[in-house]
Amino acid sequence: MPSGKTILITGVTRGLGRAMVDEFILLGHTVLGCGRSEAEIKKLCKTHGKPNDFYPVDVSNDEEVKSWASLLLTSHGAPDLVLNNAGVINKNARLWEISAREFGQVIDVNVKGTANIIRHFAPSMAVRKSGVIVNFSSGWGRSADAEVAPYCASKWAIEGLTQALAQELPNGVAVVALNPGIINTEMLQSTFGGSSSSYPSAAEWAKKAVPFLLKLGAGDNGRQLTAPV
């Protein structure tokens, strides 16, 4: 059995999630991840063999998350670190120009997806009385800007959800809200355009963020954190 930690990451097929997979494994930890792209999940499985494991899962679908959780908890037990990283952003537009479908997708993935993961993995962590849940927030979960109202709403919700959950967890288990900072990912490019290139890449970010995440513990419960960039 590996001596490292068992890390659960959502949204592993691109951006920050993909970069974290590589960095955690490089440091000797086991990564269990999910994403919506079956093709990218297959690539990950070929790149990183056992005990790491990756599955095509849509976190906004509670039944898919439930099945995935049942499989992983049987094979690997409760994770040591859960990273609710999966997220989407709306196309830049004023709120009244954004369709109900697009608004709903942002909420379904960013908020309900986070809650679905917690619903099915937190109980096992609570029984063991150890582990850390990191809910990925944003600078726009603590401030706001024009043309990203759905995204802001979803990340402000994550901040509130995290604060409430922190009061419900047993001693030994922690949840934090993490603002990863401004990173040059596809999501940022969709909002910032060409200026995204002036920010650190996901791989550069992961080099600093992963050691930071590994140091989190029970004493951090309820904190609003910002990753080092």
C-alpha atoms as a PDB file:
ATOM      1  CA  MET A   1       0.000   0.000   0.000  1.00  0.00           C
ATOM      2  CA  PRO A   2       1.281   3.505  -0.788  1.00  0.00           C
ATOM      3  CA  SER A   3       2.369   5.566   2.192  1.00  0.00           C
ATOM      4  CA  GLY A   4       0.883   8.779   0.817  1.00  0.00           C
ATOM      5  CA  LYS A   5      -2.607  10.172   1.166  1.00  0.00           C
ATOM      6  CA  THR A   6      -5.698   9.302  -0.835  1.00  0.00           C
ATOM      7  CA  ILE A   7      -6.788  12.404  -2.744  1.00  0.00           C
ATOM      8  CA  LEU A   8     -10.212  12.755  -4.377  1.00  0.00           C
ATOM      9  CA  ILE A   9     -10.418  15.406  -7.103  1.00  0.00           C
ATOM     10  CA  THR A  10     -13.373  16.405  -9.286  1.00  0.00           C
ATOM     11  CA  GLY A  11     -12.922  18.019 -12.683  1.00  0.00           C
ATOM     12  CA  VAL A  12      -9.619  16.284 -13.468  1.00  0.00           C
ATOM     13  CA  THR A  13      -9.717  16.403 -17.269  1.00  0.00           C
ATOM     14  CA  ARG A  14      -8.452  19.975 -17.685  1.00  0.00           C
ATOM     15  CA  GLY A  15      -7.220  23.101 -15.949  1.00  0.00           C
ATOM     16  CA  LEU A  16      -6.409  23.064 -12.267  1.00  0.00           C
ATOM     17  CA  GLY A  17      -7.794  19.569 -11.752  1.00  0.00           C
ATOM     18  CA  ARG A  18      -5.539  18.047 -14.395  1.00  0.00           C
ATOM     19  CA  ALA A  19      -2.489  19.882 -13.052  1.00  0.00           C
ATOM     20  CA  MET A  20      -3.193  18.761  -9.487  1.00  0.00           C
ATOM     21  CA  VAL A  21      -3.431  15.117 -10.573  1.00  0.00           C
ATOM     22  CA  ASP A  22       0.113  15.192 -11.929  1.00  0.00           C
ATOM     23  CA  GLU A  23       1.537  17.019  -8.924  1.00  0.00           C
ATOM     24  CA  PHE A  24      -0.084  14.874  -6.232  1.00  0.00           C
ATOM     25  CA  ILE A  25       1.030  11.676  -7.962  1.00  0.00           C
ATOM     26  CA  LEU A  26       4.539  13.069  -8.437  1.00  0.00           C
ATOM     27  CA  LEU A  27       4.686  13.584  -4.665  1.00  0.00           C
ATOM     28  CA  GLY A  28       3.686   9.972  -3.987  1.00  0.00           C
ATOM     29  CA  HIS A  29      -0.038  10.253  -3.294  1.00  0.00           C
ATOM     30  CA  THR A  30      -2.944   8.252  -4.723  1.00  0.00           C
ATOM     31  CA  VAL A  31      -5.415  10.242  -6.797  1.00  0.00           C
ATOM     32  CA  LEU A  32      -9.026   9.258  -7.429  1.00  0.00           C
ATOM     33  CA  GLY A  33     -10.601  11.588  -9.938  1.00  0.00           C
ATOM     34  CA  CYS A  34     -13.583  12.224 -12.146  1.00  0.00           C
ATOM     35  CA  GLY A  35     -14.541  14.335 -15.111  1.00  0.00           C
ATOM     36  CA  ARG A  36     -17.218  14.460 -17.782  1.00  0.00           C
ATOM     37  CA  SER A  37     -15.020  13.677 -20.798  1.00  0.00           C
ATOM     38  CA  GLU A  38     -14.732   9.919 -21.291  1.00  0.00           C
ATOM     39  CA  ALA A  39     -11.917  10.400 -23.804  1.00  0.00           C
ATOM     40  CA  GLU A  40      -9.833  12.454 -21.384  1.00  0.00           C
ATOM     41  CA  ILE A  41     -10.543  10.039 -18.531  1.00  0.00           C
ATOM     42  CA  LYS A  42      -9.225   7.175 -20.686  1.00  0.00           C
ATOM     43  CA  LYS A  43      -6.045   9.168 -21.332  1.00  0.00           C
ATOM     44  CA  LEU A  44      -5.592   9.750 -17.609  1.00  0.00           C
ATOM     45  CA  CYS A  45      -6.020   6.053 -16.854  1.00  0.00           C
ATOM     46  CA  LYS A  46      -3.295   5.238 -19.402  1.00  0.00           C
ATOM     47  CA  THR A  47      -0.962   7.937 -18.080  1.00  0.00           C
ATOM     48  CA  HIS A  48      -1.393   7.147 -14.398  1.00  0.00           C
ATOM     49  CA  GLY A  49      -1.933   3.493 -13.490  1.00  0.00           C
ATOM     50  CA  LYS A  50      -3.082   1.833 -10.292  1.00  0.00           C
ATOM     51  CA  PRO A  51      -3.634   2.588  -7.465  1.00  0.00           C
ATOM     52  CA  ASN A  52      -4.766   5.862  -9.084  1.00  0.00           C
ATOM     53  CA  ASP A  53      -8.213   5.628 -10.646  1.00  0.00           C
ATOM     54  CA  PHE A  54     -10.324   7.876 -12.847  1.00  0.00           C
ATOM     55  CA  TYR A  55     -13.973   7.647 -13.903  1.00  0.00           C
ATOM     56  CA  PRO A  56     -16.324   9.565 -16.194  1.00  0.00           C
ATOM     57  CA  VAL A  57     -18.730  11.164 -13.725  1.00  0.00           C
ATOM     58  CA  ASP A  58     -20.951  14.238 -14.001  1.00  0.00           C
ATOM     59  CA  VAL A  59     -20.908  15.684 -10.479  1.00  0.00           C
ATOM     60  CA  SER A  60     -24.219  17.443 -11.068  1.00  0.00           C
ATOM     61  CA  ASN A  61     -25.865  13.998 -11.377  1.00  0.00           C
ATOM     62  CA  ASP A  62     -26.402  12.716  -7.848  1.00  0.00           C
ATOM     63  CA  GLU A  63     -26.991   9.103  -8.947  1.00  0.00           C
ATOM     64  CA  GLU A  64     -23.684   9.040 -10.840  1.00  0.00           C
ATOM     65  CA  VAL A  65     -21.869  10.453  -7.811  1.00  0.00           C
ATOM     66  CA  LYS A  66     -23.577   7.944  -5.520  1.00  0.00           C
ATOM     67  CA  SER A  67     -22.452   4.999  -7.674  1.00  0.00           C
ATOM     68  CA  TRP A  68     -18.922   6.355  -7.959  1.00  0.00           C
ATOM     69  CA  ALA A  69     -18.685   6.932  -4.205  1.00  0.00           C
ATOM     70  CA  SER A  70     -19.905   3.408  -3.448  1.00  0.00           C
ATOM     71  CA  LEU A  71     -17.237   1.983  -5.742  1.00  0.00           C
ATOM     72  CA  LEU A  72     -14.385   4.074  -4.333  1.00  0.00           C
ATOM     73  CA  LEU A  73     -15.301   3.712  -0.675  1.00  0.00           C
ATOM     74  CA  THR A  74     -15.309  -0.063  -1.124  1.00  0.00           C
ATOM     75  CA  SER A  75     -11.977  -0.171  -2.941  1.00  0.00           C
ATOM     76  CA  HIS A  76     -10.053   2.655  -1.232  1.00  0.00           C
ATOM     77  CA  GLY A  77     -11.922   3.667   1.910  1.00  0.00           C
ATOM     78  CA  ALA A  78     -12.588   7.256   2.950  1.00  0.00           C
ATOM     79  CA  PRO A  79     -10.406   9.838   1.195  1.00  0.00           C
ATOM     80  CA  ASP A  80      -7.959  11.950   3.200  1.00  0.00           C
ATOM     81  CA  LEU A  81      -8.466  15.032   1.067  1.00  0.00           C
ATOM     82  CA  VAL A  82     -11.494  15.898  -1.093  1.00  0.00           C
ATOM     83  CA  LEU A  83     -11.024  18.661  -3.660  1.00  0.00           C
ATOM     84  CA  ASN A  84     -14.319  19.939  -5.060  1.00  0.00           C
ATOM     85  CA  ASN A  85     -12.668  21.535  -8.066  1.00  0.00           C
ATOM     86  CA  ALA A  86     -15.137  20.851 -10.903  1.00  0.00           C
ATOM     87  CA  GLY A  87     -16.688  24.047 -12.165  1.00  0.00           C
ATOM     88  CA  VAL A  88     -18.069  25.933 -15.151  1.00  0.00           C
ATOM     89  CA  ILE A  89     -18.561  29.608 -15.917  1.00  0.00           C
ATOM     90  CA  ASN A  90     -21.154  31.426 -18.012  1.00  0.00           C
ATOM     91  CA  LYS A  91     -20.272  33.221 -21.223  1.00  0.00           C
ATOM     92  CA  ASN A  92     -19.784  36.932 -20.565  1.00  0.00           C
ATOM     93  CA  ALA A  93     -23.193  38.587 -20.645  1.00  0.00           C
ATOM     94  CA  ARG A  94     -25.523  40.695 -18.573  1.00  0.00           C
ATOM     95  CA  LEU A  95     -27.719  38.637 -16.272  1.00  0.00           C
ATOM     96  CA  TRP A  96     -30.930  39.164 -18.232  1.00  0.00           C
ATOM     97  CA  GLU A  97     -29.173  38.016 -21.419  1.00  0.00           C
ATOM     98  CA  ILE A  98     -28.191  34.648 -19.894  1.00  0.00           C
ATOM     99  CA  SER A  99     -30.627  31.822 -20.562  1.00  0.00           C
ATOM    100  CA  ALA A 100     -32.236  29.882 -17.751  1.00  0.00           C
ATOM    101  CA  ARG A 101     -30.491  26.782 -19.079  1.00  0.00           C
ATOM    102  CA  GLU A 102     -27.016  28.328 -18.896  1.00  0.00           C
ATOM    103  CA  PHE A 103     -27.684  29.805 -15.449  1.00  0.00           C
ATOM    104  CA  GLY A 104     -28.920  26.416 -14.276  1.00  0.00           C
ATOM    105  CA  GLN A 105     -25.849  24.609 -15.575  1.00  0.00           C
ATOM    106  CA  VAL A 106     -23.546  26.870 -13.566  1.00  0.00           C
ATOM    107  CA  ILE A 107     -25.530  26.272 -10.390  1.00  0.00           C
ATOM    108  CA  ASP A 108     -25.911  22.543 -11.055  1.00  0.00           C
ATOM    109  CA  VAL A 109     -22.176  21.928 -11.471  1.00  0.00           C
ATOM    110  CA  ASN A 110     -20.673  24.487  -9.107  1.00  0.00           C
ATOM    111  CA  VAL A 111     -23.113  24.254  -6.210  1.00  0.00           C
ATOM    112  CA  LYS A 112     -25.137  21.061  -6.507  1.00  0.00           C
ATOM    113  CA  GLY A 113     -22.089  19.156  -7.751  1.00  0.00           C
ATOM    114  CA  THR A 114     -20.153  20.156  -4.659  1.00  0.00           C
ATOM    115  CA  ALA A 115     -23.061  19.175  -2.421  1.00  0.00           C
ATOM    116  CA  ASN A 116     -23.401  15.807  -4.184  1.00  0.00           C
ATOM    117  CA  ILE A 117     -19.757  14.938  -3.537  1.00  0.00           C
ATOM    118  CA  ILE A 118     -20.065  15.968   0.096  1.00  0.00           C
ATOM    119  CA  ARG A 119     -23.299  14.008   0.511  1.00  0.00           C
ATOM    120  CA  HIS A 120     -21.669  10.750  -0.522  1.00  0.00           C
ATOM    121  CA  PHE A 121     -18.119  11.075   0.811  1.00  0.00           C
ATOM    122  CA  ALA A 122     -18.387  13.140   4.008  1.00  0.00           C
ATOM    123  CA  PRO A 123     -20.209  10.433   6.035  1.00  0.00           C
ATOM    124  CA  SER A 124     -17.268   8.034   5.729  1.00  0.00           C
ATOM    125  CA  MET A 125     -14.872  10.809   6.745  1.00  0.00           C
ATOM    126  CA  ALA A 126     -17.085  11.673   9.697  1.00  0.00           C
ATOM    127  CA  VAL A 127     -17.079   8.052  10.887  1.00  0.00           C
ATOM    128  CA  ARG A 128     -13.292   7.952  10.661  1.00  0.00           C
ATOM    129  CA  LYS A 129     -13.112  11.462  12.224  1.00  0.00           C
ATOM    130  CA  SER A 130     -10.374  12.653   9.915  1.00  0.00           C
ATOM    131  CA  GLY A 131      -9.993  14.308   6.530  1.00  0.00           C
ATOM    132  CA  VAL A 132     -10.276  17.673   4.826  1.00  0.00           C
ATOM    133  CA  ILE A 133     -12.799  18.866   2.253  1.00  0.00           C
ATOM    134  CA  VAL A 134     -11.740  21.774   0.050  1.00  0.00           C
ATOM    135  CA  ASN A 135     -14.533  23.562  -1.781  1.00  0.00           C
ATOM    136  CA  PHE A 136     -13.103  25.608  -4.638  1.00  0.00           C
ATOM    137  CA  SER A 137     -14.429  29.130  -4.465  1.00  0.00           C
ATOM    138  CA  SER A 138     -13.120  32.190  -6.313  1.00  0.00           C
ATOM    139  CA  GLY A 139     -12.251  35.821  -5.888  1.00  0.00           C
ATOM    140  CA  TRP A 140     -15.747  36.188  -7.299  1.00  0.00           C
ATOM    141  CA  GLY A 141     -17.079  34.278  -4.321  1.00  0.00           C
ATOM    142  CA  ARG A 142     -15.976  37.185  -2.113  1.00  0.00           C
ATOM    143  CA  SER A 143     -16.503  40.062  -4.545  1.00  0.00           C
ATOM    144  CA  ALA A 144     -18.434  40.522  -7.795  1.00  0.00           C
ATOM    145  CA  ASP A 145     -18.116  41.797 -11.336  1.00  0.00           C
ATOM    146  CA  ALA A 146     -20.305  42.507 -14.332  1.00  0.00           C
ATOM    147  CA  GLU A 147     -21.262  39.801 -16.819  1.00  0.00           C
ATOM    148  CA  VAL A 148     -20.455  36.868 -14.516  1.00  0.00           C
ATOM    149  CA  ALA A 149     -23.492  36.999 -12.228  1.00  0.00           C
ATOM    150  CA  PRO A 150     -24.296  33.252 -12.377  1.00  0.00           C
ATOM    151  CA  TYR A 151     -20.704  32.351 -11.568  1.00  0.00           C
ATOM    152  CA  CYS A 152     -20.556  34.896  -8.733  1.00  0.00           C
ATOM    153  CA  ALA A 153     -23.832  33.546  -7.355  1.00  0.00           C
ATOM    154  CA  SER A 154     -22.478  29.998  -7.421  1.00  0.00           C
ATOM    155  CA  LYS A 155     -19.244  30.863  -5.652  1.00  0.00           C
ATOM    156  CA  TRP A 156     -20.916  33.045  -3.034  1.00  0.00           C
ATOM    157  CA  ALA A 157     -23.118  30.000  -2.410  1.00  0.00           C
ATOM    158  CA  ILE A 158     -20.001  27.852  -1.958  1.00  0.00           C
ATOM    159  CA  GLU A 159     -18.724  30.231   0.702  1.00  0.00           C
ATOM    160  CA  GLY A 160     -22.000  30.006   2.643  1.00  0.00           C
ATOM    161  CA  LEU A 161     -22.311  26.263   2.183  1.00  0.00           C
ATOM    162  CA  THR A 162     -18.780  25.826   3.529  1.00  0.00           C
ATOM    163  CA  GLN A 163     -19.408  27.952   6.601  1.00  0.00           C
ATOM    164  CA  ALA A 164     -22.547  25.984   7.439  1.00  0.00           C
ATOM    165  CA  LEU A 165     -20.914  22.599   6.857  1.00  0.00           C
ATOM    166  CA  ALA A 166     -17.988  23.580   9.076  1.00  0.00           C
ATOM    167  CA  GLN A 167     -20.424  23.775  11.992  1.00  0.00           C
ATOM    168  CA  GLU A 168     -21.844  20.326  11.239  1.00  0.00           C
ATOM    169  CA  LEU A 169     -18.694  18.234  10.912  1.00  0.00           C
ATOM    170  CA  PRO A 170     -17.347  16.232  13.876  1.00  0.00           C
ATOM    171  CA  ASN A 171     -14.004  17.056  15.441  1.00  0.00           C
ATOM    172  CA  GLY A 172     -11.179  15.818  13.264  1.00  0.00           C
ATOM    173  CA  VAL A 173     -12.839  16.634   9.934  1.00  0.00           C
ATOM    174  CA  ALA A 174     -12.469  20.040   8.300  1.00  0.00           C
ATOM    175  CA  VAL A 175     -13.936  21.928   5.369  1.00  0.00           C
ATOM    176  CA  VAL A 176     -12.482  25.091   3.857  1.00  0.00           C
ATOM    177  CA  ALA A 177     -13.345  27.401   0.990  1.00  0.00           C
ATOM    178  CA  LEU A 178     -10.381  28.033  -1.287  1.00  0.00           C
ATOM    179  CA  ASN A 179      -9.886  30.905  -3.679  1.00  0.00           C
ATOM    180  CA  PRO A 180      -7.288  29.463  -6.079  1.00  0.00           C
ATOM    181  CA  GLY A 181      -6.347  32.887  -7.421  1.00  0.00           C
ATOM    182  CA  ILE A 182      -6.262  33.999 -11.047  1.00  0.00           C
ATOM    183  CA  ILE A 183      -4.824  31.207 -13.204  1.00  0.00           C
ATOM    184  CA  ASN A 184      -4.475  30.946 -16.972  1.00  0.00           C
ATOM    185  CA  THR A 185      -6.984  28.186 -17.700  1.00  0.00           C
ATOM    186  CA  GLU A 186      -9.635  27.700 -20.399  1.00  0.00           C
ATOM    187  CA  MET A 187     -12.202  29.050 -17.959  1.00  0.00           C
ATOM    188  CA  LEU A 188     -10.237  32.255 -17.423  1.00  0.00           C
ATOM    189  CA  GLN A 189      -9.613  32.619 -21.157  1.00  0.00           C
ATOM    190  CA  SER A 190     -13.361  32.527 -21.762  1.00  0.00           C
ATOM    191  CA  THR A 191     -13.719  35.575 -19.525  1.00  0.00           C
ATOM    192  CA  PHE A 192     -10.435  37.471 -19.767  1.00  0.00           C
ATOM    193  CA  GLY A 193      -9.552  36.681 -23.372  1.00  0.00           C
ATOM    194  CA  GLY A 194      -5.952  37.344 -24.434  1.00  0.00           C
ATOM    195  CA  SER A 195      -4.972  38.953 -21.132  1.00  0.00           C
ATOM    196  CA  SER A 196      -5.142  35.504 -19.499  1.00  0.00           C
ATOM    197  CA  SER A 197      -1.614  34.783 -20.702  1.00  0.00           C
ATOM    198  CA  SER A 198      -0.177  37.192 -18.146  1.00  0.00           C
ATOM    199  CA  TYR A 199      -1.250  34.885 -15.296  1.00  0.00           C
ATOM    200  CA  PRO A 200       0.416  31.648 -14.078  1.00  0.00           C
ATOM    201  CA  SER A 201      -0.381  28.388 -15.852  1.00  0.00           C
ATOM    202  CA  ALA A 202      -2.245  25.605 -14.084  1.00  0.00           C
ATOM    203  CA  ALA A 203       0.969  23.563 -13.834  1.00  0.00           C
ATOM    204  CA  GLU A 204       2.849  26.494 -12.271  1.00  0.00           C
ATOM    205  CA  TRP A 205      -0.017  27.023  -9.834  1.00  0.00           C
ATOM    206  CA  ALA A 206      -0.100  23.358  -8.814  1.00  0.00           C
ATOM    207  CA  LYS A 207       3.599  23.368  -7.849  1.00  0.00           C
ATOM    208  CA  LYS A 208       2.771  25.774  -5.018  1.00  0.00           C
ATOM    209  CA  ALA A 209      -0.853  24.891  -4.331  1.00  0.00           C
ATOM    210  CA  VAL A 210      -0.497  21.131  -3.863  1.00  0.00           C
ATOM    211  CA  PRO A 211       2.017  21.341  -0.953  1.00  0.00           C
ATOM    212  CA  PHE A 212      -0.255  24.004   0.562  1.00  0.00           C
ATOM    213  CA  LEU A 213      -3.290  21.725   0.293  1.00  0.00           C
ATOM    214  CA  LEU A 214      -1.429  18.788   1.812  1.00  0.00           C
ATOM    215  CA  LYS A 215      -0.728  20.810   4.960  1.00  0.00           C
ATOM    216  CA  LEU A 216      -4.407  21.513   5.693  1.00  0.00           C
ATOM    217  CA  GLY A 217      -5.810  19.842   8.778  1.00  0.00           C
ATOM    218  CA  ALA A 218      -8.615  19.793  11.333  1.00  0.00           C
ATOM    219  CA  GLY A 219      -7.539  23.136  12.743  1.00  0.00           C
ATOM    220  CA  ASP A 220      -8.388  24.849   9.448  1.00  0.00           C
ATOM    221  CA  ASN A 221     -12.101  24.024   9.670  1.00  0.00           C
ATOM    222  CA  GLY A 222     -14.262  26.861   8.378  1.00  0.00           C
ATOM    223  CA  ARG A 223     -11.432  29.015   7.067  1.00  0.00           C
ATOM    224  CA  GLN A 224     -11.645  31.133   3.924  1.00  0.00           C
ATOM    225  CA  LEU A 225      -8.298  30.533   2.259  1.00  0.00           C
ATOM    226  CA  THR A 226      -6.439  31.798  -0.791  1.00  0.00           C
ATOM    227  CA  ALA A 227      -3.901  29.551  -2.488  1.00  0.00           C
ATOM    228  CA  PRO A 228      -0.327  30.762  -2.917  1.00  0.00           C
ATOM    229  CA  VAL A 229       0.368  31.869  -6.484  1.00  0.00           C
END
